Amino acid sequence: MRTLDEVRERIEKQSKDSGDSLMIQIAGHHPLAIYCPEMYKEGHQHEAEELTKEAIVSEMSDYMPFAIGKAEGERGISASRSIWKYEQWLWVLEDELGETIGDYDDYGLGALNQIAEKYNLPKEEP
């Protein structure tokens, strides 16, 4: 699993990249920023999450039904954002699956199903 310093470096690098920067803007924040107190909401730094595998998988689990819904609804920008977020989470987990999920032709539905199966994530709201 990646370190907090590696996460910080990635966020800073992606903030300067035009494509990643656009995804950050669309998402409202970088999905990994919640693990970096200095990058978390001003005045709420004490609420930043601890960077653990369990925390990452929990984020992936919470987001999966929403992501599946966007892919099934063929919502292009939302589906792209979802895949981008999973690329970030999988990168932290050092899962090679994150290197291939960006190559999709079904709004990411196949990739999301692979991730859900591998990590035993729910595809629908409970």
N, C-alpha and C. Protein backbone atom coordinates (compact mmCIF):
# COMPACT_ATOMS: atom_id res chain seq x y z
N MET A 1 0.84 -1.17 0.00
CA MET A 1 0.00 0.00 0.00
C MET A 1 0.89 1.25 0.00
N ARG A 2 0.43 2.27 -0.69
CA ARG A 2 1.18 3.52 -0.79
C ARG A 2 1.22 4.24 0.55
N THR A 3 2.23 5.10 0.69
CA THR A 3 2.37 5.89 1.91
C THR A 3 1.65 7.23 1.77
N LEU A 4 1.46 7.89 2.88
CA LEU A 4 0.82 9.20 2.87
C LEU A 4 1.66 10.20 2.08
N ASP A 5 2.97 10.11 2.16
CA ASP A 5 3.83 11.00 1.36
C ASP A 5 3.63 10.77 -0.13
N GLU A 6 3.49 9.51 -0.54
CA GLU A 6 3.24 9.20 -1.95
C GLU A 6 1.88 9.76 -2.39
N VAL A 7 0.90 9.67 -1.51
CA VAL A 7 -0.43 10.21 -1.81
C VAL A 7 -0.35 11.72 -2.00
N ARG A 8 0.33 12.39 -1.09
CA ARG A 8 0.49 13.85 -1.21
C ARG A 8 1.16 14.22 -2.53
N GLU A 9 2.21 13.50 -2.86
CA GLU A 9 2.94 13.76 -4.10
C GLU A 9 2.04 13.57 -5.32
N ARG A 10 1.24 12.52 -5.31
CA ARG A 10 0.32 12.25 -6.42
C ARG A 10 -0.71 13.37 -6.57
N ILE A 11 -1.28 13.79 -5.46
CA ILE A 11 -2.29 14.86 -5.50
C ILE A 11 -1.68 16.13 -6.07
N GLU A 12 -0.51 16.48 -5.60
CA GLU A 12 0.16 17.70 -6.09
C GLU A 12 0.47 17.59 -7.58
N LYS A 13 0.97 16.44 -8.00
CA LYS A 13 1.29 16.23 -9.42
C LYS A 13 0.02 16.29 -10.28
N GLN A 14 -1.03 15.62 -9.84
CA GLN A 14 -2.26 15.59 -10.62
C GLN A 14 -2.95 16.94 -10.64
N SER A 15 -2.75 17.73 -9.61
CA SER A 15 -3.34 19.07 -9.59
C SER A 15 -2.76 19.96 -10.68
N LYS A 16 -1.57 19.61 -11.15
CA LYS A 16 -0.89 20.39 -12.20
C LYS A 16 -1.11 19.81 -13.59
N ASP A 17 -1.68 18.61 -13.67
CA ASP A 17 -1.95 17.96 -14.95
C ASP A 17 -3.33 18.38 -15.44
N SER A 18 -3.43 18.78 -16.70
CA SER A 18 -4.70 19.32 -17.19
C SER A 18 -5.86 18.31 -17.10
N GLY A 19 -5.63 17.07 -17.48
CA GLY A 19 -6.70 16.07 -17.43
C GLY A 19 -7.12 15.73 -16.02
N ASP A 20 -6.13 15.46 -15.17
CA ASP A 20 -6.43 15.13 -13.78
C ASP A 20 -7.03 16.33 -13.04
N SER A 21 -6.51 17.52 -13.35
CA SER A 21 -7.02 18.73 -12.72
C SER A 21 -8.51 18.92 -13.05
N LEU A 22 -8.87 18.62 -14.28
CA LEU A 22 -10.28 18.70 -14.67
C LEU A 22 -11.12 17.72 -13.86
N MET A 23 -10.63 16.50 -13.69
CA MET A 23 -11.37 15.51 -12.90
C MET A 23 -11.50 15.97 -11.45
N ILE A 24 -10.45 16.56 -10.91
CA ILE A 24 -10.52 17.07 -9.54
C ILE A 24 -11.59 18.15 -9.44
N GLN A 25 -11.64 19.03 -10.42
CA GLN A 25 -12.65 20.09 -10.43
C GLN A 25 -14.05 19.51 -10.54
N ILE A 26 -14.23 18.54 -11.42
CA ILE A 26 -15.54 17.92 -11.61
C ILE A 26 -15.98 17.21 -10.33
N ALA A 27 -15.03 16.54 -9.67
CA ALA A 27 -15.34 15.81 -8.45
C ALA A 27 -15.53 16.75 -7.25
N GLY A 28 -15.00 17.95 -7.34
CA GLY A 28 -15.11 18.89 -6.23
C GLY A 28 -13.90 18.85 -5.31
N HIS A 29 -13.17 17.74 -5.33
CA HIS A 29 -11.94 17.57 -4.56
C HIS A 29 -11.27 16.28 -5.02
N HIS A 30 -10.02 16.13 -4.70
CA HIS A 30 -9.33 14.89 -5.05
C HIS A 30 -9.79 13.82 -4.06
N PRO A 31 -10.15 12.63 -4.54
CA PRO A 31 -10.67 11.60 -3.62
C PRO A 31 -9.67 11.15 -2.56
N LEU A 32 -8.40 11.40 -2.77
CA LEU A 32 -7.40 11.00 -1.79
C LEU A 32 -7.10 12.11 -0.77
N ALA A 33 -7.62 13.30 -1.01
CA ALA A 33 -7.35 14.43 -0.11
C ALA A 33 -7.92 14.21 1.29
N ILE A 34 -8.91 13.35 1.42
CA ILE A 34 -9.50 13.12 2.74
C ILE A 34 -8.53 12.42 3.69
N TYR A 35 -7.41 11.92 3.15
CA TYR A 35 -6.41 11.25 3.96
C TYR A 35 -5.24 12.17 4.33
N CYS A 36 -5.24 13.37 3.81
CA CYS A 36 -4.16 14.34 4.03
C CYS A 36 -4.70 15.53 4.81
N PRO A 37 -4.45 15.60 6.11
CA PRO A 37 -5.02 16.69 6.91
C PRO A 37 -4.77 18.08 6.32
N GLU A 38 -3.57 18.32 5.81
CA GLU A 38 -3.25 19.64 5.28
C GLU A 38 -4.00 19.95 3.98
N MET A 39 -4.58 18.94 3.35
CA MET A 39 -5.32 19.12 2.11
C MET A 39 -6.82 19.00 2.33
N TYR A 40 -7.21 18.71 3.56
CA TYR A 40 -8.61 18.52 3.88
C TYR A 40 -9.29 19.87 4.06
N LYS A 41 -10.59 19.87 4.21
CA LYS A 41 -11.37 21.11 4.35
C LYS A 41 -10.80 21.99 5.45
N GLU A 42 -10.63 23.26 5.11
CA GLU A 42 -10.10 24.21 6.09
C GLU A 42 -10.98 24.24 7.33
N GLY A 43 -10.35 24.16 8.48
CA GLY A 43 -11.06 24.15 9.74
C GLY A 43 -11.52 22.78 10.18
N HIS A 44 -11.37 21.79 9.30
CA HIS A 44 -11.82 20.42 9.61
C HIS A 44 -10.68 19.41 9.45
N GLN A 45 -9.46 19.87 9.47
CA GLN A 45 -8.31 18.99 9.25
C GLN A 45 -8.28 17.82 10.24
N HIS A 46 -8.80 18.04 11.44
CA HIS A 46 -8.82 16.98 12.45
C HIS A 46 -9.76 15.83 12.07
N GLU A 47 -10.61 16.05 11.06
CA GLU A 47 -11.55 15.02 10.62
C GLU A 47 -11.00 14.17 9.48
N ALA A 48 -9.78 14.45 9.04
CA ALA A 48 -9.19 13.67 7.95
C ALA A 48 -9.12 12.20 8.35
N GLU A 49 -9.33 11.33 7.38
CA GLU A 49 -9.32 9.89 7.61
C GLU A 49 -7.88 9.38 7.70
N GLU A 50 -7.70 8.32 8.46
CA GLU A 50 -6.40 7.65 8.50
C GLU A 50 -6.26 6.82 7.23
N LEU A 51 -5.10 6.86 6.61
CA LEU A 51 -4.86 6.11 5.38
C LEU A 51 -4.61 4.64 5.71
N THR A 52 -5.65 3.84 5.49
CA THR A 52 -5.55 2.40 5.71
C THR A 52 -6.25 1.69 4.55
N LYS A 53 -5.93 0.43 4.38
CA LYS A 53 -6.60 -0.36 3.34
C LYS A 53 -8.10 -0.40 3.61
N GLU A 54 -8.46 -0.54 4.87
CA GLU A 54 -9.88 -0.62 5.23
C GLU A 54 -10.61 0.67 4.87
N ALA A 55 -9.96 1.81 5.09
CA ALA A 55 -10.59 3.10 4.76
C ALA A 55 -10.79 3.25 3.26
N ILE A 56 -9.78 2.84 2.48
CA ILE A 56 -9.88 2.93 1.02
C ILE A 56 -11.00 2.02 0.52
N VAL A 57 -11.01 0.78 0.98
CA VAL A 57 -12.04 -0.17 0.53
C VAL A 57 -13.43 0.31 0.96
N SER A 58 -13.52 0.92 2.12
CA SER A 58 -14.80 1.47 2.57
C SER A 58 -15.28 2.58 1.62
N GLU A 59 -14.38 3.46 1.20
CA GLU A 59 -14.74 4.51 0.23
C GLU A 59 -15.20 3.88 -1.08
N MET A 60 -14.46 2.87 -1.53
CA MET A 60 -14.83 2.19 -2.78
C MET A 60 -16.21 1.55 -2.66
N SER A 61 -16.47 0.96 -1.51
CA SER A 61 -17.75 0.30 -1.27
C SER A 61 -18.90 1.30 -1.25
N ASP A 62 -18.71 2.39 -0.54
CA ASP A 62 -19.76 3.42 -0.44
C ASP A 62 -20.09 4.02 -1.80
N TYR A 63 -19.09 4.14 -2.65
CA TYR A 63 -19.26 4.82 -3.94
C TYR A 63 -19.77 3.89 -5.06
N MET A 64 -19.59 2.59 -4.89
CA MET A 64 -19.89 1.65 -5.97
C MET A 64 -21.33 1.72 -6.49
N PRO A 65 -22.37 1.71 -5.65
CA PRO A 65 -23.73 1.78 -6.21
C PRO A 65 -23.95 3.04 -7.06
N PHE A 66 -23.41 4.16 -6.63
CA PHE A 66 -23.52 5.41 -7.40
C PHE A 66 -22.81 5.26 -8.75
N ALA A 67 -21.60 4.71 -8.72
CA ALA A 67 -20.82 4.55 -9.95
C ALA A 67 -21.52 3.59 -10.92
N ILE A 68 -22.03 2.50 -10.40
CA ILE A 68 -22.76 1.54 -11.25
C ILE A 68 -23.97 2.23 -11.89
N GLY A 69 -24.68 3.01 -11.11
CA GLY A 69 -25.85 3.73 -11.63
C GLY A 69 -25.49 4.67 -12.76
N LYS A 70 -24.37 5.37 -12.63
CA LYS A 70 -23.93 6.30 -13.68
C LYS A 70 -23.53 5.53 -14.93
N ALA A 71 -22.85 4.41 -14.77
CA ALA A 71 -22.45 3.61 -15.92
C ALA A 71 -23.67 3.01 -16.62
N GLU A 72 -24.59 2.46 -15.85
CA GLU A 72 -25.79 1.88 -16.44
C GLU A 72 -26.64 2.94 -17.13
N GLY A 73 -26.64 4.15 -16.59
CA GLY A 73 -27.40 5.25 -17.18
C GLY A 73 -26.67 5.92 -18.34
N GLU A 74 -25.49 5.39 -18.68
CA GLU A 74 -24.67 5.92 -19.78
C GLU A 74 -24.40 7.41 -19.62
N ARG A 75 -24.07 7.79 -18.41
CA ARG A 75 -23.75 9.18 -18.08
C ARG A 75 -22.24 9.37 -18.25
N GLY A 76 -21.83 9.80 -19.42
CA GLY A 76 -20.43 9.85 -19.81
C GLY A 76 -19.48 10.54 -18.86
N ILE A 77 -19.76 11.79 -18.52
CA ILE A 77 -18.85 12.53 -17.65
C ILE A 77 -18.84 11.93 -16.25
N SER A 78 -20.01 11.61 -15.73
CA SER A 78 -20.09 11.01 -14.39
C SER A 78 -19.41 9.65 -14.36
N ALA A 79 -19.61 8.86 -15.41
CA ALA A 79 -18.97 7.54 -15.47
C ALA A 79 -17.45 7.68 -15.54
N SER A 80 -16.98 8.64 -16.31
CA SER A 80 -15.53 8.88 -16.39
C SER A 80 -14.97 9.29 -15.04
N ARG A 81 -15.68 10.15 -14.35
CA ARG A 81 -15.25 10.59 -13.02
C ARG A 81 -15.18 9.40 -12.07
N SER A 82 -16.17 8.53 -12.15
CA SER A 82 -16.18 7.35 -11.27
C SER A 82 -14.97 6.46 -11.53
N ILE A 83 -14.70 6.19 -12.79
CA ILE A 83 -13.54 5.36 -13.12
C ILE A 83 -12.26 6.03 -12.64
N TRP A 84 -12.15 7.34 -12.81
CA TRP A 84 -10.97 8.07 -12.37
C TRP A 84 -10.78 7.92 -10.86
N LYS A 85 -11.88 8.02 -10.11
CA LYS A 85 -11.78 7.86 -8.66
C LYS A 85 -11.29 6.46 -8.30
N TYR A 86 -11.82 5.45 -8.97
CA TYR A 86 -11.36 4.08 -8.69
C TYR A 86 -9.90 3.90 -9.08
N GLU A 87 -9.45 4.56 -10.13
CA GLU A 87 -8.03 4.51 -10.47
C GLU A 87 -7.17 5.04 -9.32
N GLN A 88 -7.64 6.09 -8.66
CA GLN A 88 -6.90 6.67 -7.54
C GLN A 88 -6.87 5.69 -6.36
N TRP A 89 -8.02 5.16 -6.01
CA TRP A 89 -8.09 4.24 -4.87
C TRP A 89 -7.28 2.97 -5.14
N LEU A 90 -7.37 2.44 -6.35
CA LEU A 90 -6.61 1.23 -6.67
C LEU A 90 -5.11 1.50 -6.69
N TRP A 91 -4.73 2.72 -7.10
CA TRP A 91 -3.32 3.09 -7.07
C TRP A 91 -2.80 3.03 -5.64
N VAL A 92 -3.55 3.57 -4.68
CA VAL A 92 -3.15 3.54 -3.28
C VAL A 92 -2.97 2.10 -2.81
N LEU A 93 -3.86 1.23 -3.24
CA LEU A 93 -3.80 -0.18 -2.85
C LEU A 93 -2.74 -0.95 -3.63
N GLU A 94 -2.11 -0.29 -4.59
CA GLU A 94 -1.11 -0.91 -5.47
C GLU A 94 -1.70 -2.11 -6.21
N ASP A 95 -2.93 -1.95 -6.64
CA ASP A 95 -3.63 -2.98 -7.39
C ASP A 95 -3.46 -2.69 -8.88
N GLU A 96 -2.90 -3.62 -9.60
CA GLU A 96 -2.65 -3.45 -11.03
C GLU A 96 -3.92 -3.24 -11.84
N LEU A 97 -5.04 -3.63 -11.30
CA LEU A 97 -6.32 -3.43 -11.98
C LEU A 97 -6.53 -1.95 -12.29
N GLY A 98 -6.04 -1.08 -11.44
CA GLY A 98 -6.18 0.35 -11.64
C GLY A 98 -5.50 0.87 -12.89
N GLU A 99 -4.52 0.13 -13.38
CA GLU A 99 -3.80 0.54 -14.59
C GLU A 99 -4.56 0.22 -15.87
N THR A 100 -5.59 -0.61 -15.78
CA THR A 100 -6.30 -1.05 -16.99
C THR A 100 -7.75 -0.60 -17.05
N ILE A 101 -8.32 -0.15 -15.95
CA ILE A 101 -9.75 0.14 -15.96
C ILE A 101 -10.11 1.38 -16.77
N GLY A 102 -9.14 2.23 -17.08
CA GLY A 102 -9.42 3.42 -17.86
C GLY A 102 -9.70 3.11 -19.32
N ASP A 103 -9.38 1.89 -19.75
CA ASP A 103 -9.62 1.47 -21.14
C ASP A 103 -10.94 0.72 -21.19
N TYR A 104 -12.02 1.44 -21.42
CA TYR A 104 -13.32 0.80 -21.41
C TYR A 104 -14.18 1.37 -22.54
N ASP A 105 -15.21 0.61 -22.91
CA ASP A 105 -16.13 1.08 -23.95
C ASP A 105 -17.59 0.93 -23.51
N ASP A 106 -17.80 0.66 -22.26
CA ASP A 106 -19.15 0.43 -21.74
C ASP A 106 -19.45 1.34 -20.56
N TYR A 107 -18.94 2.57 -20.62
CA TYR A 107 -19.11 3.54 -19.54
C TYR A 107 -18.47 3.05 -18.24
N GLY A 108 -17.57 2.08 -18.37
CA GLY A 108 -16.84 1.55 -17.22
C GLY A 108 -17.56 0.46 -16.46
N LEU A 109 -18.71 0.02 -16.96
CA LEU A 109 -19.51 -0.98 -16.24
C LEU A 109 -18.73 -2.28 -16.03
N GLY A 110 -18.03 -2.73 -17.06
CA GLY A 110 -17.23 -3.96 -16.92
C GLY A 110 -16.14 -3.81 -15.87
N ALA A 111 -15.46 -2.68 -15.89
CA ALA A 111 -14.40 -2.42 -14.90
C ALA A 111 -14.98 -2.35 -13.50
N LEU A 112 -16.10 -1.66 -13.35
CA LEU A 112 -16.72 -1.55 -12.03
C LEU A 112 -17.15 -2.91 -11.51
N ASN A 113 -17.67 -3.75 -12.40
CA ASN A 113 -18.05 -5.10 -12.00
C ASN A 113 -16.83 -5.91 -11.55
N GLN A 114 -15.71 -5.75 -12.24
CA GLN A 114 -14.47 -6.43 -11.85
C GLN A 114 -14.03 -5.99 -10.46
N ILE A 115 -14.07 -4.68 -10.22
CA ILE A 115 -13.66 -4.14 -8.92
C ILE A 115 -14.60 -4.63 -7.83
N ALA A 116 -15.91 -4.56 -8.10
CA ALA A 116 -16.89 -5.00 -7.11
C ALA A 116 -16.69 -6.48 -6.76
N GLU A 117 -16.41 -7.29 -7.75
CA GLU A 117 -16.20 -8.71 -7.51
C GLU A 117 -14.92 -8.94 -6.71
N LYS A 118 -13.85 -8.30 -7.13
CA LYS A 118 -12.55 -8.50 -6.47
C LYS A 118 -12.57 -8.08 -5.00
N TYR A 119 -13.24 -6.97 -4.70
CA TYR A 119 -13.26 -6.44 -3.34
C TYR A 119 -14.57 -6.72 -2.60
N ASN A 120 -15.43 -7.54 -3.21
CA ASN A 120 -16.71 -7.90 -2.61
C ASN A 120 -17.51 -6.66 -2.22
N LEU A 121 -17.69 -5.75 -3.19
CA LEU A 121 -18.39 -4.50 -2.96
C LEU A 121 -19.84 -4.60 -3.43
N PRO A 122 -20.74 -3.92 -2.75
CA PRO A 122 -22.15 -3.95 -3.17
C PRO A 122 -22.35 -3.15 -4.45
N LYS A 123 -23.22 -3.65 -5.31
CA LYS A 123 -23.51 -2.94 -6.56
C LYS A 123 -24.78 -2.11 -6.45
N GLU A 124 -25.54 -2.34 -5.40
CA GLU A 124 -26.80 -1.61 -5.20
C GLU A 124 -26.84 -1.08 -3.77
N GLU A 125 -27.62 -0.04 -3.58
CA GLU A 125 -27.81 0.51 -2.24
C GLU A 125 -28.43 -0.58 -1.35
N PRO A 126 -28.02 -0.65 -0.09
CA PRO A 126 -28.62 -1.67 0.81
C PRO A 126 -30.08 -1.37 1.10
